Amino acid sequence: MLGWAFGELIGIYFLLHLFGWREIIVVRADSISYRSEVFGLGFITIYPASEIRNLRFQPAPGGRRSPSQLAFDYRGKTVAFAAYIENDAEKVKLLRRIQQRCATANRQEAQESGTAFWAK
């Protein structure tokens, strides 16, 4: 009986995730806000730009079981988002737009030291 109940909860979770889930990312010069919601209900997390490090594109590991995503380091943890954008080129384009709008810690340090931030 508990197995059926657990299975139904998992099924409901996946249906809600499939039809009602979305990510909202708001990029400002001083912060990145991330909201994950299901049918309008969710939580928002605000990450100050001064504490964001290593904003990057993470390709899918090995066998493409998990999708590629965008990520950054914040207070010793990795924050990943945009995994459900299907096209990797769109993810890279989004990454460039975020880098243009938000002065993350890496960009500030590069400007202060005179190092080129955009160099590959």
PDB file of N, CA and C in Angstrom:
ATOM      1  N   MET A   1       0.833  -1.196   0.000  1.00  0.00           N
ATOM      2  CA  MET A   1       0.000   0.000   0.000  1.00  0.00           C
ATOM      3  C   MET A   1       0.877   1.260   0.000  1.00  0.00           C
ATOM      4  N   LEU A   2       1.927   1.260   0.810  1.00  0.00           N
ATOM      5  CA  LEU A   2       2.818   2.419   0.824  1.00  0.00           C
ATOM      6  C   LEU A   2       3.542   2.569  -0.508  1.00  0.00           C
ATOM      7  N   GLY A   3       3.867   1.469  -1.144  1.00  0.00           N
ATOM      8  CA  GLY A   3       4.520   1.507  -2.453  1.00  0.00           C
ATOM      9  C   GLY A   3       3.645   2.183  -3.498  1.00  0.00           C
ATOM     10  N   TRP A   4       2.336   1.861  -3.491  1.00  0.00           N
ATOM     11  CA  TRP A   4       1.415   2.504  -4.432  1.00  0.00           C
ATOM     12  C   TRP A   4       1.321   4.000  -4.155  1.00  0.00           C
ATOM     13  N   ALA A   5       1.221   4.357  -2.903  1.00  0.00           N
ATOM     14  CA  ALA A   5       1.119   5.778  -2.541  1.00  0.00           C
ATOM     15  C   ALA A   5       2.383   6.532  -2.964  1.00  0.00           C
ATOM     16  N   PHE A   6       3.531   5.924  -2.728  1.00  0.00           N
ATOM     17  CA  PHE A   6       4.787   6.535  -3.123  1.00  0.00           C
ATOM     18  C   PHE A   6       4.853   6.682  -4.649  1.00  0.00           C
ATOM     19  N   GLY A   7       4.443   5.669  -5.362  1.00  0.00           N
ATOM     20  CA  GLY A   7       4.426   5.715  -6.822  1.00  0.00           C
ATOM     21  C   GLY A   7       3.508   6.802  -7.352  1.00  0.00           C
ATOM     22  N   GLU A   8       2.343   6.958  -6.719  1.00  0.00           N
ATOM     23  CA  GLU A   8       1.411   8.010  -7.135  1.00  0.00           C
ATOM     24  C   GLU A   8       2.001   9.393  -6.874  1.00  0.00           C
ATOM     25  N   LEU A   9       2.665   9.570  -5.750  1.00  0.00           N
ATOM     26  CA  LEU A   9       3.292  10.863  -5.460  1.00  0.00           C
ATOM     27  C   LEU A   9       4.384  11.192  -6.472  1.00  0.00           C
ATOM     28  N   ILE A  10       5.175  10.191  -6.836  1.00  0.00           N
ATOM     29  CA  ILE A  10       6.218  10.390  -7.840  1.00  0.00           C
ATOM     30  C   ILE A  10       5.574  10.749  -9.187  1.00  0.00           C
ATOM     31  N   GLY A  11       4.519  10.075  -9.549  1.00  0.00           N
ATOM     32  CA  GLY A  11       3.816  10.364 -10.799  1.00  0.00           C
ATOM     33  C   GLY A  11       3.245  11.771 -10.823  1.00  0.00           C
ATOM     34  N   ILE A  12       2.636  12.191  -9.725  1.00  0.00           N
ATOM     35  CA  ILE A  12       2.092  13.547  -9.623  1.00  0.00           C
ATOM     36  C   ILE A  12       3.209  14.575  -9.729  1.00  0.00           C
ATOM     37  N   TYR A  13       4.332  14.307  -9.061  1.00  0.00           N
ATOM     38  CA  TYR A  13       5.483  15.213  -9.137  1.00  0.00           C
ATOM     39  C   TYR A  13       5.938  15.395 -10.580  1.00  0.00           C
ATOM     40  N   PHE A  14       6.087  14.302 -11.310  1.00  0.00           N
ATOM     41  CA  PHE A  14       6.557  14.390 -12.693  1.00  0.00           C
ATOM     42  C   PHE A  14       5.547  15.092 -13.593  1.00  0.00           C
ATOM     43  N   LEU A  15       4.256  14.872 -13.369  1.00  0.00           N
ATOM     44  CA  LEU A  15       3.238  15.566 -14.171  1.00  0.00           C
ATOM     45  C   LEU A  15       3.250  17.071 -13.886  1.00  0.00           C
ATOM     46  N   LEU A  16       3.350  17.446 -12.617  1.00  0.00           N
ATOM     47  CA  LEU A  16       3.439  18.864 -12.280  1.00  0.00           C
ATOM     48  C   LEU A  16       4.688  19.479 -12.887  1.00  0.00           C
ATOM     49  N   HIS A  17       5.784  18.769 -12.800  1.00  0.00           N
ATOM     50  CA  HIS A  17       7.047  19.261 -13.338  1.00  0.00           C
ATOM     51  C   HIS A  17       6.964  19.407 -14.857  1.00  0.00           C
ATOM     52  N   LEU A  18       6.319  18.473 -15.518  1.00  0.00           N
ATOM     53  CA  LEU A  18       6.220  18.477 -16.969  1.00  0.00           C
ATOM     54  C   LEU A  18       5.328  19.611 -17.476  1.00  0.00           C
ATOM     55  N   PHE A  19       4.186  19.828 -16.834  1.00  0.00           N
ATOM     56  CA  PHE A  19       3.210  20.780 -17.360  1.00  0.00           C
ATOM     57  C   PHE A  19       3.216  22.145 -16.683  1.00  0.00           C
ATOM     58  N   GLY A  20       3.699  22.244 -15.457  1.00  0.00           N
ATOM     59  CA  GLY A  20       3.561  23.514 -14.756  1.00  0.00           C
ATOM     60  C   GLY A  20       4.834  24.126 -14.229  1.00  0.00           C
ATOM     61  N   TRP A  21       5.979  23.492 -14.450  1.00  0.00           N
ATOM     62  CA  TRP A  21       7.230  23.982 -13.873  1.00  0.00           C
ATOM     63  C   TRP A  21       7.919  24.944 -14.822  1.00  0.00           C
ATOM     64  N   ARG A  22       8.557  25.968 -14.252  1.00  0.00           N
ATOM     65  CA  ARG A  22       9.384  26.866 -15.041  1.00  0.00           C
ATOM     66  C   ARG A  22      10.419  27.542 -14.159  1.00  0.00           C
ATOM     67  N   GLU A  23      11.494  27.979 -14.807  1.00  0.00           N
ATOM     68  CA  GLU A  23      12.558  28.732 -14.144  1.00  0.00           C
ATOM     69  C   GLU A  23      12.441  30.188 -14.588  1.00  0.00           C
ATOM     70  N   ILE A  24      12.638  31.093 -13.648  1.00  0.00           N
ATOM     71  CA  ILE A  24      12.674  32.506 -13.972  1.00  0.00           C
ATOM     72  C   ILE A  24      13.994  33.047 -13.451  1.00  0.00           C
ATOM     73  N   ILE A  25      14.776  33.614 -14.358  1.00  0.00           N
ATOM     74  CA  ILE A  25      16.077  34.157 -13.997  1.00  0.00           C
ATOM     75  C   ILE A  25      16.058  35.649 -14.305  1.00  0.00           C
ATOM     76  N   VAL A  26      16.298  36.458 -13.288  1.00  0.00           N
ATOM     77  CA  VAL A  26      16.342  37.912 -13.459  1.00  0.00           C
ATOM     78  C   VAL A  26      17.767  38.354 -13.192  1.00  0.00           C
ATOM     79  N   VAL A  27      18.369  38.984 -14.183  1.00  0.00           N
ATOM     80  CA  VAL A  27      19.766  39.403 -14.078  1.00  0.00           C
ATOM     81  C   VAL A  27      19.812  40.918 -13.976  1.00  0.00           C
ATOM     82  N   ARG A  28      20.439  41.394 -12.912  1.00  0.00           N
ATOM     83  CA  ARG A  28      20.670  42.827 -12.723  1.00  0.00           C
ATOM     84  C   ARG A  28      22.176  43.031 -12.611  1.00  0.00           C
ATOM     85  N   ALA A  29      22.601  44.271 -12.645  1.00  0.00           N
ATOM     86  CA  ALA A  29      24.035  44.569 -12.554  1.00  0.00           C
ATOM     87  C   ALA A  29      24.624  44.072 -11.238  1.00  0.00           C
ATOM     88  N   ASP A  30      23.828  44.070 -10.166  1.00  0.00           N
ATOM     89  CA  ASP A  30      24.354  43.713  -8.849  1.00  0.00           C
ATOM     90  C   ASP A  30      23.890  42.362  -8.319  1.00  0.00           C
ATOM     91  N   SER A  31      23.061  41.623  -9.086  1.00  0.00           N
ATOM     92  CA  SER A  31      22.565  40.345  -8.567  1.00  0.00           C
ATOM     93  C   SER A  31      21.957  39.486  -9.674  1.00  0.00           C
ATOM     94  N   ILE A  32      21.826  38.211  -9.352  1.00  0.00           N
ATOM     95  CA  ILE A  32      21.079  37.268 -10.177  1.00  0.00           C
ATOM     96  C   ILE A  32      20.012  36.657  -9.280  1.00  0.00           C
ATOM     97  N   SER A  33      18.751  36.764  -9.700  1.00  0.00           N
ATOM     98  CA  SER A  33      17.640  36.181  -8.955  1.00  0.00           C
ATOM     99  C   SER A  33      17.165  34.941  -9.687  1.00  0.00           C
ATOM    100  N   TYR A  34      16.929  33.876  -8.938  1.00  0.00           N
ATOM    101  CA  TYR A  34      16.484  32.614  -9.513  1.00  0.00           C
ATOM    102  C   TYR A  34      15.197  32.190  -8.821  1.00  0.00           C
ATOM    103  N   ARG A  35      14.188  31.904  -9.635  1.00  0.00           N
ATOM    104  CA  ARG A  35      12.918  31.424  -9.103  1.00  0.00           C
ATOM    105  C   ARG A  35      12.530  30.158  -9.843  1.00  0.00           C
ATOM    106  N   SER A  36      12.239  29.135  -9.087  1.00  0.00           N
ATOM    107  CA  SER A  36      11.734  27.879  -9.623  1.00  0.00           C
ATOM    108  C   SER A  36      10.303  27.743  -9.119  1.00  0.00           C
ATOM    109  N   GLU A  37       9.360  27.607 -10.049  1.00  0.00           N
ATOM    110  CA  GLU A  37       7.964  27.588  -9.623  1.00  0.00           C
ATOM    111  C   GLU A  37       7.161  26.532 -10.361  1.00  0.00           C
ATOM    112  N   VAL A  38       6.084  26.105  -9.715  1.00  0.00           N
ATOM    113  CA  VAL A  38       5.112  25.196 -10.300  1.00  0.00           C
ATOM    114  C   VAL A  38       3.761  25.875 -10.198  1.00  0.00           C
ATOM    115  N   PHE A  39       3.160  26.165 -11.359  1.00  0.00           N
ATOM    116  CA  PHE A  39       1.877  26.857 -11.434  1.00  0.00           C
ATOM    117  C   PHE A  39       1.854  28.124 -10.568  1.00  0.00           C
ATOM    118  N   GLY A  40       2.930  28.888 -10.616  1.00  0.00           N
ATOM    119  CA  GLY A  40       3.000  30.179  -9.922  1.00  0.00           C
ATOM    120  C   GLY A  40       3.453  30.118  -8.479  1.00  0.00           C
ATOM    121  N   LEU A  41       3.623  28.934  -7.927  1.00  0.00           N
ATOM    122  CA  LEU A  41       4.071  28.802  -6.549  1.00  0.00           C
ATOM    123  C   LEU A  41       5.540  28.387  -6.531  1.00  0.00           C
ATOM    124  N   GLY A  42       6.331  29.108  -5.768  1.00  0.00           N
ATOM    125  CA  GLY A  42       7.742  28.758  -5.708  1.00  0.00           C
ATOM    126  C   GLY A  42       8.505  29.697  -4.804  1.00  0.00           C
ATOM    127  N   PHE A  43       9.801  29.531  -4.823  1.00  0.00           N
ATOM    128  CA  PHE A  43      10.678  30.332  -3.993  1.00  0.00           C
ATOM    129  C   PHE A  43      11.662  31.083  -4.870  1.00  0.00           C
ATOM    130  N   ILE A  44      12.076  32.248  -4.377  1.00  0.00           N
ATOM    131  CA  ILE A  44      13.065  33.040  -5.093  1.00  0.00           C
ATOM    132  C   ILE A  44      14.336  33.108  -4.258  1.00  0.00           C
ATOM    133  N   THR A  45      15.465  33.004  -4.922  1.00  0.00           N
ATOM    134  CA  THR A  45      16.758  33.133  -4.273  1.00  0.00           C
ATOM    135  C   THR A  45      17.524  34.224  -5.005  1.00  0.00           C
ATOM    136  N   ILE A  46      18.089  35.149  -4.241  1.00  0.00           N
ATOM    137  CA  ILE A  46      18.846  36.251  -4.820  1.00  0.00           C
ATOM    138  C   ILE A  46      20.316  36.039  -4.498  1.00  0.00           C
ATOM    139  N   TYR A  47      21.145  36.056  -5.545  1.00  0.00           N
ATOM    140  CA  TYR A  47      22.583  35.869  -5.406  1.00  0.00           C
ATOM    141  C   TYR A  47      23.285  37.187  -5.724  1.00  0.00           C
ATOM    142  N   PRO A  48      23.931  37.826  -4.745  1.00  0.00           N
ATOM    143  CA  PRO A  48      24.671  39.064  -5.034  1.00  0.00           C
ATOM    144  C   PRO A  48      25.815  38.797  -6.009  1.00  0.00           C
ATOM    145  N   ALA A  49      25.970  39.678  -6.976  1.00  0.00           N
ATOM    146  CA  ALA A  49      26.995  39.503  -8.015  1.00  0.00           C
ATOM    147  C   ALA A  49      28.401  39.478  -7.427  1.00  0.00           C
ATOM    148  N   SER A  50      28.607  40.181  -6.328  1.00  0.00           N
ATOM    149  CA  SER A  50      29.940  40.239  -5.730  1.00  0.00           C
ATOM    150  C   SER A  50      30.385  38.887  -5.163  1.00  0.00           C
ATOM    151  N   GLU A  51      29.444  37.964  -4.968  1.00  0.00           N
ATOM    152  CA  GLU A  51      29.775  36.655  -4.413  1.00  0.00           C
ATOM    153  C   GLU A  51      29.669  35.527  -5.438  1.00  0.00           C
ATOM    154  N   ILE A  52      29.322  35.847  -6.677  1.00  0.00           N
ATOM    155  CA  ILE A  52      29.213  34.841  -7.741  1.00  0.00           C
ATOM    156  C   ILE A  52      30.577  34.659  -8.385  1.00  0.00           C
ATOM    157  N   ARG A  53      31.008  33.424  -8.473  1.00  0.00           N
ATOM    158  CA  ARG A  53      32.293  33.098  -9.085  1.00  0.00           C
ATOM    159  C   ARG A  53      32.087  32.044 -10.178  1.00  0.00           C
ATOM    160  N   ASN A  54      32.936  32.091 -11.187  1.00  0.00           N
ATOM    161  CA  ASN A  54      33.018  31.045 -12.203  1.00  0.00           C
ATOM    162  C   ASN A  54      31.677  30.783 -12.899  1.00  0.00           C
ATOM    163  N   LEU A  55      31.046  31.810 -13.413  1.00  0.00           N
ATOM    164  CA  LEU A  55      29.837  31.660 -14.212  1.00  0.00           C
ATOM    165  C   LEU A  55      30.225  30.949 -15.502  1.00  0.00           C
ATOM    166  N   ARG A  56      29.568  29.821 -15.809  1.00  0.00           N
ATOM    167  CA  ARG A  56      30.043  28.972 -16.892  1.00  0.00           C
ATOM    168  C   ARG A  56      28.932  28.128 -17.514  1.00  0.00           C
ATOM    169  N   PHE A  57      29.254  27.603 -18.687  1.00  0.00           N
ATOM    170  CA  PHE A  57      28.445  26.597 -19.362  1.00  0.00           C
ATOM    171  C   PHE A  57      29.031  25.237 -19.012  1.00  0.00           C
ATOM    172  N   GLN A  58      28.211  24.321 -18.553  1.00  0.00           N
ATOM    173  CA  GLN A  58      28.668  22.970 -18.227  1.00  0.00           C
ATOM    174  C   GLN A  58      28.092  21.996 -19.249  1.00  0.00           C
ATOM    175  N   PRO A  59      28.940  21.448 -20.114  1.00  0.00           N
ATOM    176  CA  PRO A  59      28.432  20.475 -21.078  1.00  0.00           C
ATOM    177  C   PRO A  59      27.925  19.219 -20.380  1.00  0.00           C
ATOM    178  N   ALA A  60      27.070  18.501 -21.081  1.00  0.00           N
ATOM    179  CA  ALA A  60      26.535  17.255 -20.527  1.00  0.00           C
ATOM    180  C   ALA A  60      27.676  16.274 -20.308  1.00  0.00           C
ATOM    181  N   PRO A  61      27.714  15.650 -19.136  1.00  0.00           N
ATOM    182  CA  PRO A  61      28.773  14.673 -18.901  1.00  0.00           C
ATOM    183  C   PRO A  61      28.535  13.397 -19.696  1.00  0.00           C
ATOM    184  N   GLY A  62      29.592  12.867 -20.240  1.00  0.00           N
ATOM    185  CA  GLY A  62      29.609  11.565 -20.907  1.00  0.00           C
ATOM    186  C   GLY A  62      28.456  11.219 -21.812  1.00  0.00           C
ATOM    187  N   GLY A  63      27.547  10.390 -21.327  1.00  0.00           N
ATOM    188  CA  GLY A  63      26.516   9.787 -22.163  1.00  0.00           C
ATOM    189  C   GLY A  63      25.262  10.604 -22.377  1.00  0.00           C
ATOM    190  N   ARG A  64      25.256  11.877 -22.073  1.00  0.00           N
ATOM    191  CA  ARG A  64      24.105  12.757 -22.288  1.00  0.00           C
ATOM    192  C   ARG A  64      22.869  12.336 -21.498  1.00  0.00           C
ATOM    193  N   ARG A  65      23.066  11.596 -20.417  1.00  0.00           N
ATOM    194  CA  ARG A  65      21.909  11.265 -19.581  1.00  0.00           C
ATOM    195  C   ARG A  65      21.368  12.514 -18.906  1.00  0.00           C
ATOM    196  N   SER A  66      22.257  13.326 -18.409  1.00  0.00           N
ATOM    197  CA  SER A  66      21.830  14.587 -17.815  1.00  0.00           C
ATOM    198  C   SER A  66      22.141  15.704 -18.805  1.00  0.00           C
ATOM    199  N   PRO A  67      21.284  16.710 -18.869  1.00  0.00           N
ATOM    200  CA  PRO A  67      21.478  17.768 -19.854  1.00  0.00           C
ATOM    201  C   PRO A  67      22.605  18.722 -19.468  1.00  0.00           C
ATOM    202  N   SER A  68      23.105  19.435 -20.456  1.00  0.00           N
ATOM    203  CA  SER A  68      24.064  20.491 -20.158  1.00  0.00           C
ATOM    204  C   SER A  68      23.308  21.600 -19.432  1.00  0.00           C
ATOM    205  N   GLN A  69      24.047  22.475 -18.771  1.00  0.00           N
ATOM    206  CA  GLN A  69      23.401  23.523 -17.982  1.00  0.00           C
ATOM    207  C   GLN A  69      24.349  24.691 -17.797  1.00  0.00           C
ATOM    208  N   LEU A  70      23.813  25.776 -17.284  1.00  0.00           N
ATOM    209  CA  LEU A  70      24.627  26.907 -16.870  1.00  0.00           C
ATOM    210  C   LEU A  70      24.819  26.783 -15.374  1.00  0.00           C
ATOM    211  N   ALA A  71      25.944  27.272 -14.874  1.00  0.00           N
ATOM    212  CA  ALA A  71      26.219  27.142 -13.444  1.00  0.00           C
ATOM    213  C   ALA A  71      27.159  28.245 -12.989  1.00  0.00           C
ATOM    214  N   PHE A  72      27.163  28.477 -11.684  1.00  0.00           N
ATOM    215  CA  PHE A  72      28.134  29.353 -11.058  1.00  0.00           C
ATOM    216  C   PHE A  72      28.373  28.889  -9.637  1.00  0.00           C
ATOM    217  N   ASP A  73      29.479  29.321  -9.071  1.00  0.00           N
ATOM    218  CA  ASP A  73      29.814  28.980  -7.694  1.00  0.00           C
ATOM    219  C   ASP A  73      29.389  30.129  -6.800  1.00  0.00           C
ATOM    220  N   TYR A  74      28.746  29.772  -5.674  1.00  0.00           N
ATOM    221  CA  TYR A  74      28.254  30.765  -4.728  1.00  0.00           C
ATOM    222  C   TYR A  74      28.449  30.218  -3.315  1.00  0.00           C
ATOM    223  N   ARG A  75      29.315  30.872  -2.553  1.00  0.00           N
ATOM    224  CA  ARG A  75      29.588  30.470  -1.167  1.00  0.00           C
ATOM    225  C   ARG A  75      29.933  28.991  -1.036  1.00  0.00           C
ATOM    226  N   GLY A  76      30.786  28.504  -1.920  1.00  0.00           N
ATOM    227  CA  GLY A  76      31.251  27.125  -1.837  1.00  0.00           C
ATOM    228  C   GLY A  76      30.316  26.086  -2.419  1.00  0.00           C
ATOM    229  N   LYS A  77      29.186  26.507  -2.988  1.00  0.00           N
ATOM    230  CA  LYS A  77      28.247  25.572  -3.597  1.00  0.00           C
ATOM    231  C   LYS A  77      28.079  25.925  -5.071  1.00  0.00           C
ATOM    232  N   THR A  78      27.729  24.940  -5.857  1.00  0.00           N
ATOM    233  CA  THR A  78      27.460  25.167  -7.271  1.00  0.00           C
ATOM    234  C   THR A  78      25.963  25.315  -7.471  1.00  0.00           C
ATOM    235  N   VAL A  79      25.574  26.400  -8.114  1.00  0.00           N
ATOM    236  CA  VAL A  79      24.179  26.660  -8.442  1.00  0.00           C
ATOM    237  C   VAL A  79      24.027  26.414  -9.941  1.00  0.00           C
ATOM    238  N   ALA A  80      23.167  25.474 -10.325  1.00  0.00           N
ATOM    239  CA  ALA A  80      22.956  25.129 -11.730  1.00  0.00           C
ATOM    240  C   ALA A  80      21.551  25.539 -12.152  1.00  0.00           C
ATOM    241  N   PHE A  81      21.430  25.974 -13.406  1.00  0.00           N
ATOM    242  CA  PHE A  81      20.127  26.374 -13.927  1.00  0.00           C
ATOM    243  C   PHE A  81      20.143  26.237 -15.451  1.00  0.00           C
ATOM    244  N   ALA A  82      18.988  26.442 -16.074  1.00  0.00           N
ATOM    245  CA  ALA A  82      18.809  26.400 -17.528  1.00  0.00           C
ATOM    246  C   ALA A  82      19.074  25.015 -18.113  1.00  0.00           C
ATOM    247  N   ALA A  83      18.858  23.972 -17.349  1.00  0.00           N
ATOM    248  CA  ALA A  83      19.077  22.610 -17.860  1.00  0.00           C
ATOM    249  C   ALA A  83      18.020  22.216 -18.878  1.00  0.00           C
ATOM    250  N   TYR A  84      16.876  22.863 -18.863  1.00  0.00           N
ATOM    251  CA  TYR A  84      15.793  22.455 -19.745  1.00  0.00           C
ATOM    252  C   TYR A  84      15.688  23.272 -21.020  1.00  0.00           C
ATOM    253  N   ILE A  85      16.663  24.151 -21.250  1.00  0.00           N
ATOM    254  CA  ILE A  85      16.775  24.762 -22.567  1.00  0.00           C
ATOM    255  C   ILE A  85      17.436  23.694 -23.437  1.00  0.00           C
ATOM    256  N   GLU A  86      16.769  23.286 -24.489  1.00  0.00           N
ATOM    257  CA  GLU A  86      17.238  22.127 -25.249  1.00  0.00           C
ATOM    258  C   GLU A  86      18.477  22.403 -26.103  1.00  0.00           C
ATOM    259  N   ASN A  87      18.609  23.581 -26.622  1.00  0.00           N
ATOM    260  CA  ASN A  87      19.682  23.904 -27.546  1.00  0.00           C
ATOM    261  C   ASN A  87      20.882  24.476 -26.792  1.00  0.00           C
ATOM    262  N   ASP A  88      22.041  23.832 -26.914  1.00  0.00           N
ATOM    263  CA  ASP A  88      23.241  24.302 -26.230  1.00  0.00           C
ATOM    264  C   ASP A  88      23.670  25.684 -26.720  1.00  0.00           C
ATOM    265  N   ALA A  89      23.443  25.979 -27.991  1.00  0.00           N
ATOM    266  CA  ALA A  89      23.792  27.300 -28.517  1.00  0.00           C
ATOM    267  C   ALA A  89      22.964  28.385 -27.819  1.00  0.00           C
ATOM    268  N   GLU A  90      21.711  28.101 -27.515  1.00  0.00           N
ATOM    269  CA  GLU A  90      20.869  29.059 -26.791  1.00  0.00           C
ATOM    270  C   GLU A  90      21.378  29.261 -25.365  1.00  0.00           C
ATOM    271  N   LYS A  91      21.878  28.201 -24.761  1.00  0.00           N
ATOM    272  CA  LYS A  91      22.440  28.311 -23.411  1.00  0.00           C
ATOM    273  C   LYS A  91      23.683  29.189 -23.412  1.00  0.00           C
ATOM    274  N   VAL A  92      24.533  29.021 -24.409  1.00  0.00           N
ATOM    275  CA  VAL A  92      25.742  29.835 -24.510  1.00  0.00           C
ATOM    276  C   VAL A  92      25.364  31.299 -24.757  1.00  0.00           C
ATOM    277  N   LYS A  93      24.355  31.520 -25.595  1.00  0.00           N
ATOM    278  CA  LYS A  93      23.875  32.882 -25.862  1.00  0.00           C
ATOM    279  C   LYS A  93      23.348  33.521 -24.580  1.00  0.00           C
ATOM    280  N   LEU A  94      22.596  32.751 -23.796  1.00  0.00           N
ATOM    281  CA  LEU A  94      22.094  33.247 -22.509  1.00  0.00           C
ATOM    282  C   LEU A  94      23.249  33.558 -21.566  1.00  0.00           C
ATOM    283  N   LEU A  95      24.252  32.704 -21.531  1.00  0.00           N
ATOM    284  CA  LEU A  95      25.425  32.925 -20.695  1.00  0.00           C
ATOM    285  C   LEU A  95      26.100  34.247 -21.051  1.00  0.00           C
ATOM    286  N   ARG A  96      26.286  34.507 -22.335  1.00  0.00           N
ATOM    287  CA  ARG A  96      26.916  35.762 -22.779  1.00  0.00           C
ATOM    288  C   ARG A  96      26.096  36.975 -22.362  1.00  0.00           C
ATOM    289  N   ARG A  97      24.775  36.869 -22.456  1.00  0.00           N
ATOM    290  CA  ARG A  97      23.912  37.993 -22.056  1.00  0.00           C
ATOM    291  C   ARG A  97      23.995  38.234 -20.547  1.00  0.00           C
ATOM    292  N   ILE A  98      24.054  37.165 -19.772  1.00  0.00           N
ATOM    293  CA  ILE A  98      24.197  37.311 -18.321  1.00  0.00           C
ATOM    294  C   ILE A  98      25.538  37.969 -18.006  1.00  0.00           C
ATOM    295  N   GLN A  99      26.593  37.532 -18.670  1.00  0.00           N
ATOM    296  CA  GLN A  99      27.918  38.111 -18.430  1.00  0.00           C
ATOM    297  C   GLN A  99      27.956  39.590 -18.799  1.00  0.00           C
ATOM    298  N   GLN A 100      27.216  39.996 -19.809  1.00  0.00           N
ATOM    299  CA  GLN A 100      27.183  41.397 -20.206  1.00  0.00           C
ATOM    300  C   GLN A 100      26.440  42.258 -19.189  1.00  0.00           C
ATOM    301  N   ARG A 101      25.392  41.714 -18.602  1.00  0.00           N
ATOM    302  CA  ARG A 101      24.556  42.498 -17.699  1.00  0.00           C
ATOM    303  C   ARG A 101      25.025  42.517 -16.258  1.00  0.00           C
ATOM    304  N   CYS A 102      25.638  41.442 -15.806  1.00  0.00           N
ATOM    305  CA  CYS A 102      25.938  41.282 -14.387  1.00  0.00           C
ATOM    306  C   CYS A 102      27.441  41.311 -14.144  1.00  0.00           C
ATOM    307  N   ALA A 103      27.870  42.173 -13.246  1.00  0.00           N
ATOM    308  CA  ALA A 103      29.294  42.287 -12.900  1.00  0.00           C
ATOM    309  C   ALA A 103      29.620  41.268 -11.812  1.00  0.00           C
ATOM    310  N   THR A 104      29.825  40.018 -12.203  1.00  0.00           N
ATOM    311  CA  THR A 104      30.148  38.970 -11.234  1.00  0.00           C
ATOM    312  C   THR A 104      31.545  39.198 -10.678  1.00  0.00           C
ATOM    313  N   ALA A 105      31.867  38.489  -9.610  1.00  0.00           N
ATOM    314  CA  ALA A 105      33.147  38.674  -8.929  1.00  0.00           C
ATOM    315  C   ALA A 105      34.322  38.438  -9.878  1.00  0.00           C
ATOM    316  N   ASN A 106      34.241  37.436 -10.748  1.00  0.00           N
ATOM    317  CA  ASN A 106      35.331  37.158 -11.690  1.00  0.00           C
ATOM    318  C   ASN A 106      35.568  38.355 -12.607  1.00  0.00           C
ATOM    319  N   ARG A 107      34.506  38.953 -13.073  1.00  0.00           N
ATOM    320  CA  ARG A 107      34.617  40.088 -13.982  1.00  0.00           C
ATOM    321  C   ARG A 107      35.205  41.288 -13.260  1.00  0.00           C
ATOM    322  N   GLN A 108      34.770  41.526 -12.029  1.00  0.00           N
ATOM    323  CA  GLN A 108      35.304  42.644 -11.247  1.00  0.00           C
ATOM    324  C   GLN A 108      36.789  42.458 -10.977  1.00  0.00           C
ATOM    325  N   GLU A 109      37.192  41.246 -10.596  1.00  0.00           N
ATOM    326  CA  GLU A 109      38.603  40.972 -10.317  1.00  0.00           C
ATOM    327  C   GLU A 109      39.442  41.143 -11.575  1.00  0.00           C
ATOM    328  N   ALA A 110      38.915  40.692 -12.724  1.00  0.00           N
ATOM    329  CA  ALA A 110      39.657  40.814 -13.977  1.00  0.00           C
ATOM    330  C   ALA A 110      39.834  42.280 -14.363  1.00  0.00           C
ATOM    331  N   GLN A 111      38.805  43.092 -14.152  1.00  0.00           N
ATOM    332  CA  GLN A 111      38.907  44.507 -14.492  1.00  0.00           C
ATOM    333  C   GLN A 111      39.878  45.227 -13.570  1.00  0.00           C
ATOM    334  N   GLU A 112      39.877  44.870 -12.285  1.00  0.00           N
ATOM    335  CA  GLU A 112      40.766  45.514 -11.335  1.00  0.00           C
ATOM    336  C   GLU A 112      42.218  45.149 -11.599  1.00  0.00           C
ATOM    337  N   SER A 113      42.470  43.921 -12.038  1.00  0.00           N
ATOM    338  CA  SER A 113      43.857  43.496 -12.281  1.00  0.00           C
ATOM    339  C   SER A 113      44.322  43.827 -13.692  1.00  0.00           C
ATOM    340  N   GLY A 114      43.409  44.293 -14.548  1.00  0.00           N
ATOM    341  CA  GLY A 114      43.762  44.624 -15.914  1.00  0.00           C
ATOM    342  C   GLY A 114      43.757  43.419 -16.839  1.00  0.00           C
ATOM    343  N   THR A 115      43.295  42.260 -16.368  1.00  0.00           N
ATOM    344  CA  THR A 115      43.236  41.048 -17.168  1.00  0.00           C
ATOM    345  C   THR A 115      41.967  41.061 -18.030  1.00  0.00           C
ATOM    346  N   ALA A 116      42.062  40.587 -19.250  1.00  0.00           N
ATOM    347  CA  ALA A 116      40.901  40.521 -20.126  1.00  0.00           C
ATOM    348  C   ALA A 116      39.963  39.425 -19.657  1.00  0.00           C
ATOM    349  N   PHE A 117      38.716  39.756 -19.392  1.00  0.00           N
ATOM    350  CA  PHE A 117      37.749  38.782 -18.892  1.00  0.00           C
ATOM    351  C   PHE A 117      37.202  37.913 -20.013  1.00  0.00           C
ATOM    352  N   TRP A 118      37.062  38.474 -21.207  1.00  0.00           N
ATOM    353  CA  TRP A 118      36.381  37.759 -22.277  1.00  0.00           C
ATOM    354  C   TRP A 118      37.304  36.842 -23.062  1.00  0.00           C
ATOM    355  N   ALA A 119      38.574  36.879 -22.778  1.00  0.00           N
ATOM    356  CA  ALA A 119      39.522  36.046 -23.535  1.00  0.00           C
ATOM    357  C   ALA A 119      39.259  34.573 -23.299  1.00  0.00           C
ATOM    358  N   LYS A 120      39.434  33.780 -24.357  1.00  0.00           N
ATOM    359  CA  LYS A 120      39.231  32.330 -24.218  1.00  0.00           C
ATOM    360  C   LYS A 120      40.546  31.665 -23.920  1.00  0.00           C
TER     361      LYS A 120
END
